[in-house]
Amino acid sequence: MRWVQKCETDDEPLPVPVQAVSNEEFEPLPQTEEQKRVAQKLSEIADFSIKKLGVSRREFLASTGGFAAAFLAMNSVFGDLFSVSASELFEPLASEEKWPKKPFIFDIHTHHVAAPKIIRTPPLIPGYRAAGAAWGNKALEGREHRWEDLYLANYIKEMFLDSDTSMAVITGLPAKTADQNVLTPNEMVETRAEINGLAKSKRLIAHGLFSPDLGKPNLEEMHRQYEELKPEAWKGYPGQPLADGSVGWWMDDETVAYPFYEYSRKIGIKNICVHKGLPLPGWQIDHSSPKDVEKAAKDFPDMNFLIYHAGFKGVRDALPAVQDDFKTVTNVPWISDLCAMRNRNPKMTNVYMDLGTTFGMTVITQPKLCAYMLGLMIEAFGEDHVLWGTDSIWWGSPQWQIEAFRRLQMPEDLMKRFGFKPLTDRVKEKIFGLNSARVYGIDVKGKMNAIPADYVTKLKAKYRAEGPRPSNTQYGWVRA
């Protein structure tokens, strides 16, 4: 097995990836046979289109026509799951006419790396690069990663210039030492200050970090963050062992975790964000399961628990249901478990499902699975409890995920068999941003009025006027 960074395999970056990339929270998935067929079909459509349009292949793939080509290719392989027409290949205005209204898009799951850091513990990019070289990829030996791709300047370009994202949450991953923390709480707040200061309006919300297994010192650190930084929510990783001898912590541990919720309640921060699903290599898998969500949510009904990745265990674990076409095997670990918790607790309305990576991973690998999971979540939690997240910029610009969700349709057979509702524009508007705005107390009407006049919008207009240069680059990892 060889792991390579996706952007290093792209002689010609595609508008929509045809292989799932890892954000370094799970092993890269091999490209499926269906994805190979999508890539071939996309290449054929691109060749036909550039001859008719008289443009370069790279120019076409970076255009709205390139997006249309990608979804036409996906429909040819997976069935008509995406709303797209052939006219979009040649008419730039066809896509705008299809979706004249720009929704409020609030991405609650984004990352970048603080410059000039080079992270070695946990062994993020350099560690995986070394592993890839050791596993036979000689092209990686002695090569240096372009850390600049993951720093703030490129984050701003990918998130706010090359996508329709209106607002975002910057989040992080705790570490034992600040120098090996991808983005410390102080650095997240610096990013918030820089972007909001640049925009002259509120475009970014910052997380604080908490790790209950570290005990009282971490509770004191939480207090410091509140006093000095004023984060709007907390992010924790129950599967991450930070304390000596720890294997992680449980959300429903009354001794270890509850003092942190009680403190958060006391200072008025209601949103507790937790990584569930997608267990990182080396973590105890059980602690990444959502089995500890139910009691915690019931014991703290006035707090909101935002379940990052929607608790999705991974594509491999969902394959039995996919291969059965959801006829007799309908369980998707661990999303089905969370949905069952909600179904047996109708008053447990304080749990929310974040789509970060879970949507991006499945919509290009098994789009029917993606639609099925959305159906499960909406049926169990309600259309107002599913939150938009992309895990960018590991995936590069989130625009392709925005396009995919905008176009994704609920398959007729799933609606007939399971009673799932259509993915209407109204439902998508809620998931894209209205739901998260309510959770974070954002006045959407006021924000939408402010955004056109802020500096980031003016910067984006200048960027577009000069000829936008989306890179179509994903910065995560693939299995070669």
Protein backbone atom coordinates (compact mmCIF):
# COMPACT_ATOMS: atom_id res chain seq x y z
CA MET A 1 0.00 0.00 0.00
CA ARG A 2 1.28 3.47 -0.89
CA TRP A 3 -0.10 6.71 0.55
CA VAL A 4 0.42 9.85 -1.49
CA GLN A 5 -0.91 13.34 -1.10
CA LYS A 6 -3.74 13.78 -3.60
CA CYS A 7 -2.41 17.04 -5.04
CA GLU A 8 0.84 15.27 -5.99
CA THR A 9 -1.00 12.75 -8.19
CA ASP A 10 -2.93 15.41 -10.11
CA ASP A 11 -1.35 16.28 -13.42
CA GLU A 12 -4.80 17.57 -14.26
CA PRO A 13 -6.93 18.26 -11.16
CA LEU A 14 -10.58 17.32 -11.70
CA PRO A 15 -13.52 19.48 -10.58
CA VAL A 16 -14.85 16.65 -8.40
CA PRO A 17 -12.46 14.06 -6.96
CA VAL A 18 -12.79 10.52 -8.26
CA GLN A 19 -11.06 9.02 -5.24
CA ALA A 20 -11.82 9.70 -1.59
CA VAL A 21 -9.04 11.57 0.20
CA SER A 22 -8.17 11.05 3.83
CA ASN A 23 -8.10 14.04 6.16
CA GLU A 24 -5.64 11.93 8.18
CA GLU A 25 -8.41 10.66 10.46
CA PHE A 26 -8.79 7.35 8.59
CA GLU A 27 -6.79 5.21 6.20
CA PRO A 28 -7.11 6.28 2.56
CA LEU A 29 -9.63 4.23 0.59
CA PRO A 30 -8.57 2.59 -2.67
CA GLN A 31 -10.22 3.94 -5.80
CA THR A 32 -13.28 1.86 -6.64
CA GLU A 33 -14.04 0.39 -10.06
CA GLU A 34 -17.01 2.75 -10.32
CA GLN A 35 -14.76 5.74 -9.65
CA LYS A 36 -12.37 4.59 -12.38
CA ARG A 37 -15.32 4.49 -14.79
CA VAL A 38 -16.40 7.98 -13.67
CA ALA A 39 -12.87 9.26 -14.37
CA GLN A 40 -12.89 7.69 -17.84
CA LYS A 41 -16.33 9.07 -18.68
CA LEU A 42 -15.39 12.52 -17.38
CA SER A 43 -12.32 12.48 -19.60
CA GLU A 44 -14.45 11.60 -22.63
CA ILE A 45 -16.97 14.37 -21.92
CA ALA A 46 -14.14 16.88 -21.40
CA ASP A 47 -12.47 15.90 -24.70
CA PHE A 48 -15.74 16.37 -26.57
CA SER A 49 -16.52 19.68 -24.87
CA ILE A 50 -13.16 21.38 -25.36
CA LYS A 51 -13.26 20.69 -29.09
CA LYS A 52 -16.66 22.33 -29.32
CA LEU A 53 -15.72 25.26 -27.08
CA GLY A 54 -12.18 25.80 -28.35
CA VAL A 55 -10.66 26.06 -24.84
CA SER A 56 -7.92 24.18 -23.03
CA ARG A 57 -8.74 21.09 -21.03
CA ARG A 58 -7.55 22.68 -17.78
CA GLU A 59 -9.64 25.80 -18.43
CA PHE A 60 -12.74 23.68 -19.08
CA LEU A 61 -12.27 21.50 -15.99
CA ALA A 62 -12.01 24.62 -13.79
CA SER A 63 -15.28 26.03 -15.17
CA THR A 64 -18.96 25.44 -14.42
CA GLY A 65 -18.91 23.20 -17.48
CA GLY A 66 -16.30 21.05 -15.74
CA PHE A 67 -18.62 20.58 -12.76
CA ALA A 68 -21.44 19.63 -15.11
CA ALA A 69 -19.19 17.12 -16.87
CA ALA A 70 -18.30 15.52 -13.54
CA PHE A 71 -21.92 15.05 -12.47
CA LEU A 72 -22.97 13.81 -15.91
CA ALA A 73 -20.16 11.25 -15.62
CA MET A 74 -21.30 10.24 -12.15
CA ASN A 75 -24.90 9.83 -13.33
CA SER A 76 -23.71 7.58 -16.18
CA VAL A 77 -22.11 5.25 -13.62
CA PHE A 78 -24.26 5.51 -10.49
CA GLY A 79 -27.67 6.35 -11.99
CA ASP A 80 -29.51 9.66 -12.09
CA LEU A 81 -28.66 10.86 -8.59
CA PHE A 82 -27.55 14.38 -9.52
CA SER A 83 -29.53 17.18 -11.15
CA VAL A 84 -27.47 18.26 -14.17
CA SER A 85 -28.11 18.99 -17.84
CA ALA A 86 -25.88 18.76 -20.92
CA SER A 87 -26.49 22.45 -21.68
CA GLU A 88 -24.34 23.32 -18.65
CA LEU A 89 -21.30 21.99 -20.48
CA PHE A 90 -21.39 24.85 -22.97
CA GLU A 91 -23.42 27.66 -21.42
CA PRO A 92 -21.88 29.24 -18.29
CA LEU A 93 -25.22 30.88 -17.47
CA ALA A 94 -27.11 27.56 -17.54
CA SER A 95 -25.95 26.64 -14.03
CA GLU A 96 -26.85 30.10 -12.68
CA GLU A 97 -30.29 29.84 -14.26
CA LYS A 98 -30.70 26.42 -12.64
CA TRP A 99 -29.90 27.83 -9.19
CA PRO A 100 -30.56 31.58 -9.31
CA LYS A 101 -30.76 31.87 -5.54
CA LYS A 102 -27.53 31.74 -3.54
CA PRO A 103 -28.21 30.11 -0.16
CA PHE A 104 -26.57 31.10 3.10
CA ILE A 105 -23.77 28.53 3.44
CA PHE A 106 -22.31 28.10 6.91
CA ASP A 107 -19.52 25.50 6.99
CA ILE A 108 -19.05 24.44 10.62
CA HIS A 109 -16.11 22.09 9.96
CA THR A 110 -12.95 23.67 8.52
CA HIS A 111 -9.23 23.47 9.23
CA HIS A 112 -5.92 25.02 8.34
CA VAL A 113 -2.40 24.71 9.76
CA ALA A 114 -0.79 27.61 11.61
CA ALA A 115 2.23 28.99 9.72
CA PRO A 116 5.10 28.24 9.89
CA LYS A 117 4.39 24.94 11.66
CA ILE A 118 5.51 21.57 10.42
CA ILE A 119 3.55 19.01 12.44
CA ARG A 120 5.33 15.82 13.46
CA THR A 121 3.36 14.61 16.48
CA PRO A 122 0.83 13.23 15.74
CA PRO A 123 2.68 12.29 12.55
CA LEU A 124 0.44 14.16 10.18
CA ILE A 125 1.70 14.83 6.68
CA PRO A 126 5.44 14.10 7.13
CA GLY A 127 4.68 10.85 8.97
CA TYR A 128 2.35 9.61 6.27
CA ARG A 129 4.87 10.69 3.63
CA ALA A 130 7.54 8.58 5.34
CA ALA A 131 5.11 5.66 5.59
CA GLY A 132 4.28 5.99 1.90
CA ALA A 133 7.96 5.89 1.01
CA ALA A 134 8.53 2.89 3.27
CA TRP A 135 5.61 1.06 1.63
CA GLY A 136 7.20 1.31 -1.78
CA ASN A 137 6.46 4.79 -3.13
CA LYS A 138 10.00 5.81 -4.13
CA ALA A 139 8.70 9.11 -5.52
CA LEU A 140 8.09 10.26 -1.95
CA GLU A 141 11.60 9.61 -0.70
CA GLY A 142 13.32 12.86 0.23
CA ARG A 143 10.47 15.05 -1.00
CA GLU A 144 9.18 18.01 1.01
CA HIS A 145 5.50 18.74 1.45
CA ARG A 146 4.22 22.19 0.48
CA TRP A 147 2.99 23.28 3.87
CA GLU A 148 2.00 26.62 2.35
CA ASP A 149 -1.04 24.87 0.83
CA LEU A 150 -2.40 24.39 4.33
CA TYR A 151 -1.65 27.84 5.75
CA LEU A 152 -4.03 30.75 6.26
CA ALA A 153 -3.59 32.58 2.93
CA ASN A 154 -4.60 29.52 0.94
CA TYR A 155 -7.42 28.80 3.41
CA ILE A 156 -8.92 32.22 2.67
CA LYS A 157 -8.62 31.65 -1.08
CA GLU A 158 -10.11 28.16 -1.02
CA MET A 159 -12.90 28.91 1.46
CA PHE A 160 -14.05 32.40 0.57
CA LEU A 161 -12.83 33.22 -2.96
CA ASP A 162 -13.20 29.88 -4.74
CA SER A 163 -16.42 28.79 -3.03
CA ASP A 164 -19.89 30.08 -2.18
CA THR A 165 -19.25 29.71 1.56
CA SER A 166 -20.75 32.60 3.55
CA MET A 167 -19.47 31.78 7.04
CA ALA A 168 -17.28 29.11 8.59
CA VAL A 169 -16.14 27.65 11.89
CA ILE A 170 -12.42 27.12 12.34
CA THR A 171 -11.71 24.06 14.45
CA GLY A 172 -8.68 22.11 15.62
CA LEU A 173 -7.22 18.91 17.02
CA PRO A 174 -5.70 18.93 20.53
CA ALA A 175 -2.09 17.87 20.99
CA LYS A 176 0.26 17.36 23.92
CA THR A 177 2.41 20.36 22.99
CA ALA A 178 1.48 23.65 21.32
CA ASP A 179 4.20 23.39 18.68
CA GLN A 180 2.70 20.12 17.43
CA ASN A 181 -0.90 21.33 17.62
CA VAL A 182 -2.21 21.94 14.08
CA LEU A 183 -4.03 25.02 15.34
CA THR A 184 -4.04 25.97 19.01
CA PRO A 185 -6.99 27.84 20.53
CA ASN A 186 -4.93 31.05 20.43
CA GLU A 187 -4.19 30.49 16.75
CA MET A 188 -7.83 29.74 15.95
CA VAL A 189 -8.81 33.02 17.55
CA GLU A 190 -6.05 34.81 15.62
CA THR A 191 -7.53 33.39 12.41
CA ARG A 192 -10.97 34.59 13.48
CA ALA A 193 -9.59 38.06 14.16
CA GLU A 194 -7.71 38.23 10.85
CA ILE A 195 -10.59 37.11 8.66
CA ASN A 196 -13.28 39.08 10.47
CA GLY A 197 -10.98 42.08 10.57
CA LEU A 198 -10.30 41.77 6.86
CA ALA A 199 -14.00 41.41 6.07
CA LYS A 200 -15.14 44.04 8.58
CA SER A 201 -17.96 41.61 9.38
CA LYS A 202 -18.38 38.26 11.14
CA ARG A 203 -17.31 35.58 8.68
CA LEU A 204 -15.59 33.16 11.06
CA ILE A 205 -16.36 31.53 14.40
CA ALA A 206 -13.61 29.90 16.48
CA HIS A 207 -13.63 26.78 18.61
CA GLY A 208 -11.86 26.28 21.89
CA LEU A 209 -10.38 22.86 22.67
CA PHE A 210 -11.01 20.59 25.63
CA SER A 211 -9.63 17.17 26.64
CA PRO A 212 -11.33 15.87 29.81
CA ASP A 213 -8.92 12.96 30.29
CA LEU A 214 -6.27 15.53 31.26
CA GLY A 215 -8.35 16.42 34.31
CA LYS A 216 -8.17 19.61 36.37
CA PRO A 217 -5.27 21.23 34.43
CA ASN A 218 -7.34 21.04 31.28
CA LEU A 219 -10.35 22.50 33.06
CA GLU A 220 -8.12 25.40 34.07
CA GLU A 221 -6.97 25.70 30.45
CA MET A 222 -10.62 25.82 29.40
CA HIS A 223 -11.12 28.70 31.84
CA ARG A 224 -8.09 30.50 30.39
CA GLN A 225 -9.46 30.12 26.87
CA TYR A 226 -12.81 31.53 27.94
CA GLU A 227 -11.31 34.50 29.78
CA GLU A 228 -8.70 35.42 27.14
CA LEU A 229 -10.05 34.14 23.83
CA LYS A 230 -13.86 33.99 24.05
CA PRO A 231 -14.43 30.90 21.85
CA GLU A 232 -18.00 30.33 20.66
CA ALA A 233 -17.96 26.53 21.16
CA TRP A 234 -15.74 23.67 22.33
CA LYS A 235 -14.22 20.84 20.30
CA GLY A 236 -13.22 17.53 21.89
CA TYR A 237 -12.03 14.12 20.73
CA PRO A 238 -13.26 11.33 23.05
CA GLY A 239 -11.15 8.80 21.16
CA GLN A 240 -7.92 10.76 21.56
CA PRO A 241 -5.63 9.60 24.39
CA LEU A 242 -3.72 12.63 25.67
CA ALA A 243 -3.21 11.85 29.35
CA ASP A 244 -0.51 9.36 30.34
CA GLY A 245 -2.05 5.89 30.35
CA SER A 246 -5.28 7.14 28.79
CA VAL A 247 -7.12 5.41 25.96
CA GLY A 248 -9.59 8.27 25.57
CA TRP A 249 -12.59 9.48 27.53
CA TRP A 250 -16.35 8.94 27.54
CA MET A 251 -18.87 11.71 26.94
CA ASP A 252 -21.15 10.25 29.63
CA ASP A 253 -18.46 9.82 32.30
CA GLU A 254 -19.90 11.76 35.24
CA THR A 255 -16.52 12.10 36.93
CA VAL A 256 -14.31 12.90 33.94
CA ALA A 257 -16.48 14.69 31.35
CA TYR A 258 -19.39 16.22 33.28
CA PRO A 259 -17.33 18.91 35.09
CA PHE A 260 -16.42 20.31 31.66
CA TYR A 261 -20.06 20.52 30.56
CA GLU A 262 -21.02 22.08 33.88
CA TYR A 263 -18.34 24.73 33.49
CA SER A 264 -19.42 25.40 29.92
CA ARG A 265 -23.01 25.77 31.07
CA LYS A 266 -21.90 28.16 33.81
CA ILE A 267 -20.13 30.51 31.36
CA GLY A 268 -22.93 30.30 28.79
CA ILE A 269 -21.29 28.29 25.98
CA LYS A 270 -23.93 25.77 24.91
CA ASN A 271 -22.26 24.07 21.93
CA ILE A 272 -20.13 20.99 22.59
CA CYS A 273 -18.61 19.57 19.39
CA VAL A 274 -17.21 16.05 19.51
CA HIS A 275 -15.39 13.91 16.96
CA LYS A 276 -17.30 10.64 16.56
CA GLY A 277 -16.70 8.02 13.93
CA LEU A 278 -13.65 7.86 11.62
CA PRO A 279 -11.29 6.60 14.32
CA LEU A 280 -7.73 7.78 13.80
CA PRO A 281 -5.02 5.13 13.43
CA GLY A 282 -3.80 4.14 16.89
CA TRP A 283 -6.95 5.26 18.71
CA GLN A 284 -9.16 2.84 20.57
CA ILE A 285 -12.06 2.35 18.18
CA ASP A 286 -14.67 1.96 20.93
CA HIS A 287 -14.09 5.51 22.19
CA SER A 288 -14.85 6.86 18.72
CA SER A 289 -18.26 5.16 18.70
CA PRO A 290 -21.32 7.24 19.64
CA LYS A 291 -22.57 4.91 22.35
CA ASP A 292 -21.81 7.54 25.02
CA VAL A 293 -23.85 10.30 23.35
CA GLU A 294 -27.30 9.36 24.60
CA LYS A 295 -26.79 9.65 28.36
CA ALA A 296 -24.74 12.83 28.10
CA ALA A 297 -27.36 14.49 25.92
CA LYS A 298 -30.18 13.46 28.25
CA ASP A 299 -28.29 14.59 31.37
CA PHE A 300 -27.55 18.01 29.83
CA PRO A 301 -30.70 18.86 27.85
CA ASP A 302 -29.84 22.58 27.83
CA MET A 303 -26.53 21.93 26.01
CA ASN A 304 -26.12 21.21 22.28
CA PHE A 305 -24.02 18.21 21.25
CA LEU A 306 -22.74 18.52 17.68
CA ILE A 307 -21.61 15.10 16.49
CA TYR A 308 -18.82 15.64 13.99
CA HIS A 309 -18.70 13.29 10.98
CA ALA A 310 -22.25 12.29 12.07
CA GLY A 311 -20.60 9.36 13.86
CA PHE A 312 -19.93 7.58 10.53
CA LYS A 313 -17.63 4.62 11.14
CA GLY A 314 -16.45 4.41 7.53
CA VAL A 315 -17.27 3.30 3.99
CA ARG A 316 -15.87 -0.20 4.46
CA ASP A 317 -18.23 -0.82 7.38
CA ALA A 318 -21.21 0.38 5.33
CA LEU A 319 -20.47 -1.84 2.32
CA PRO A 320 -22.71 -4.75 3.42
CA ALA A 321 -25.73 -2.43 3.24
CA VAL A 322 -24.55 -0.93 -0.06
CA GLN A 323 -23.94 -4.30 -1.68
CA ASP A 324 -27.37 -5.46 -0.51
CA ASP A 325 -28.89 -2.23 -1.93
CA PHE A 326 -30.42 -1.66 1.54
CA LYS A 327 -32.93 -4.50 1.01
CA THR A 328 -32.22 -6.74 4.00
CA VAL A 329 -29.13 -5.01 5.41
CA THR A 330 -30.08 -1.48 6.41
CA ASN A 331 -27.60 -0.76 9.21
CA VAL A 332 -24.90 1.87 8.61
CA PRO A 333 -22.45 1.81 11.54
CA TRP A 334 -22.55 4.11 13.60
CA ILE A 335 -25.04 6.48 12.00
CA SER A 336 -27.87 3.98 12.43
CA ASP A 337 -26.97 3.73 16.15
CA LEU A 338 -27.28 7.49 16.61
CA CYS A 339 -30.57 7.53 14.71
CA ALA A 340 -31.89 4.72 16.92
CA MET A 341 -30.98 6.79 20.02
CA ARG A 342 -32.95 9.72 18.68
CA ASN A 343 -35.93 7.55 17.73
CA ARG A 344 -36.23 6.11 21.22
CA ASN A 345 -35.76 9.54 22.82
CA PRO A 346 -38.15 11.93 21.03
CA LYS A 347 -37.31 14.68 23.53
CA MET A 348 -33.56 14.39 22.85
CA THR A 349 -33.56 17.41 20.55
CA ASN A 350 -30.10 18.69 21.52
CA VAL A 351 -28.05 16.36 19.29
CA TYR A 352 -26.98 17.53 15.81
CA MET A 353 -25.32 15.66 12.95
CA ASP A 354 -22.35 17.30 11.18
CA LEU A 355 -21.60 16.14 7.62
CA GLY A 356 -17.85 16.94 7.55
CA THR A 357 -15.92 14.36 5.45
CA THR A 358 -18.85 11.91 5.76
CA PHE A 359 -20.64 13.68 2.92
CA GLY A 360 -17.51 14.31 0.86
CA MET A 361 -16.30 10.74 1.24
CA THR A 362 -19.55 8.99 0.34
CA VAL A 363 -21.00 11.29 -2.34
CA ILE A 364 -18.12 10.40 -4.67
CA THR A 365 -17.67 6.79 -3.56
CA GLN A 366 -21.22 5.53 -3.08
CA PRO A 367 -23.66 8.41 -3.73
CA LYS A 368 -26.70 6.25 -3.06
CA LEU A 369 -25.26 5.46 0.37
CA CYS A 370 -24.81 9.20 0.87
CA ALA A 371 -28.48 9.82 0.03
CA TYR A 372 -29.55 6.90 2.25
CA MET A 373 -27.62 8.26 5.24
CA LEU A 374 -29.11 11.72 4.73
CA GLY A 375 -32.54 10.08 4.64
CA LEU A 376 -31.83 8.28 7.93
CA MET A 377 -30.58 11.44 9.63
CA ILE A 378 -33.42 13.64 8.44
CA GLU A 379 -36.03 11.04 9.37
CA ALA A 380 -34.61 10.52 12.88
CA PHE A 381 -33.29 13.96 13.85
CA GLY A 382 -35.36 16.20 11.59
CA GLU A 383 -34.25 18.39 8.71
CA ASP A 384 -33.36 21.13 11.21
CA HIS A 385 -30.72 19.01 13.00
CA VAL A 386 -28.36 18.19 10.11
CA LEU A 387 -25.46 20.64 9.75
CA TRP A 388 -23.24 21.48 6.78
CA GLY A 389 -19.53 20.77 7.19
CA THR A 390 -16.85 19.87 4.65
CA ASP A 391 -13.58 19.30 6.57
CA SER A 392 -11.90 21.68 4.15
CA ILE A 393 -9.22 22.58 3.36
CA TRP A 394 -8.07 18.95 3.49
CA TRP A 395 -10.49 18.48 0.59
CA GLY A 396 -9.33 21.72 -1.05
CA SER A 397 -12.02 24.24 -1.89
CA PRO A 398 -15.43 23.13 -0.57
CA GLN A 399 -17.12 24.27 -3.80
CA TRP A 400 -17.32 20.79 -5.31
CA GLN A 401 -19.07 19.53 -2.17
CA ILE A 402 -21.46 22.49 -2.35
CA GLU A 403 -22.20 21.63 -5.98
CA ALA A 404 -22.67 17.95 -5.14
CA PHE A 405 -25.13 18.64 -2.31
CA ARG A 406 -26.96 21.25 -4.39
CA ARG A 407 -27.48 18.64 -7.12
CA LEU A 408 -27.98 15.44 -5.10
CA GLN A 409 -31.49 13.97 -5.30
CA MET A 410 -33.14 11.39 -3.06
CA PRO A 411 -33.57 8.23 -5.17
CA GLU A 412 -37.18 7.26 -5.86
CA ASP A 413 -36.75 3.69 -4.63
CA LEU A 414 -35.42 4.89 -1.25
CA MET A 415 -38.40 7.22 -0.87
CA LYS A 416 -40.82 4.39 -1.68
CA ARG A 417 -39.15 1.78 0.54
CA PHE A 418 -38.22 3.91 3.56
CA GLY A 419 -40.55 6.88 3.36
CA PHE A 420 -37.67 9.32 2.94
CA LYS A 421 -38.66 12.81 1.83
CA PRO A 422 -37.24 14.55 -1.26
CA LEU A 423 -34.14 16.70 -0.80
CA THR A 424 -35.95 19.91 -1.68
CA ASP A 425 -34.30 23.30 -2.04
CA ARG A 426 -35.84 24.30 1.29
CA VAL A 427 -34.35 21.26 3.07
CA LYS A 428 -30.97 21.99 1.51
CA GLU A 429 -31.12 25.65 2.56
CA LYS A 430 -31.64 24.53 6.15
CA ILE A 431 -28.74 22.08 6.02
CA PHE A 432 -26.45 24.46 4.12
CA GLY A 433 -26.64 27.13 6.78
CA LEU A 434 -29.93 28.00 8.44
CA ASN A 435 -29.65 25.19 10.99
CA SER A 436 -26.11 26.08 12.07
CA ALA A 437 -27.04 29.76 12.19
CA ARG A 438 -29.74 28.92 14.72
CA VAL A 439 -27.33 26.78 16.77
CA TYR A 440 -24.73 29.58 16.84
CA GLY A 441 -27.20 32.44 17.23
CA ILE A 442 -26.47 34.05 13.86
CA ASP A 443 -29.00 36.50 12.43
CA VAL A 444 -29.08 35.19 8.85
CA LYS A 445 -31.05 38.08 7.40
CA GLY A 446 -28.69 40.59 8.99
CA LYS A 447 -25.66 38.58 7.91
CA MET A 448 -26.87 38.27 4.32
CA ASN A 449 -27.41 42.01 4.26
CA ALA A 450 -23.91 42.66 5.63
CA ILE A 451 -21.93 40.23 3.46
CA PRO A 452 -22.38 42.03 0.08
CA ALA A 453 -20.78 45.17 1.53
CA ASP A 454 -17.90 43.56 3.40
CA TYR A 455 -14.34 43.56 2.15
CA VAL A 456 -14.11 39.83 1.47
CA THR A 457 -17.00 40.19 -0.99
CA LYS A 458 -15.21 43.09 -2.68
CA LEU A 459 -11.99 41.06 -2.78
CA LYS A 460 -13.88 38.12 -4.28
CA ALA A 461 -15.41 40.39 -6.95
CA LYS A 462 -11.94 41.64 -7.95
CA TYR A 463 -10.63 38.07 -7.99
CA ARG A 464 -13.50 36.95 -10.22
CA ALA A 465 -13.13 39.97 -12.51
CA GLU A 466 -9.46 39.16 -13.08
CA GLY A 467 -10.37 35.57 -13.96
CA PRO A 468 -10.73 33.16 -11.04
CA ARG A 469 -8.10 30.50 -10.71
CA PRO A 470 -9.62 27.62 -8.72
CA SER A 471 -7.01 24.93 -8.28
CA ASN A 472 -9.41 21.95 -7.96
CA THR A 473 -6.79 20.64 -5.53
CA GLN A 474 -7.44 18.25 -2.65
CA TYR A 475 -4.75 18.27 0.04
CA GLY A 476 -5.61 15.03 1.80
CA TRP A 477 -4.23 11.56 1.21
CA VAL A 478 -5.08 8.78 -1.22
CA ARG A 479 -4.05 5.19 -1.56
CA ALA A 480 -2.02 4.75 -4.72
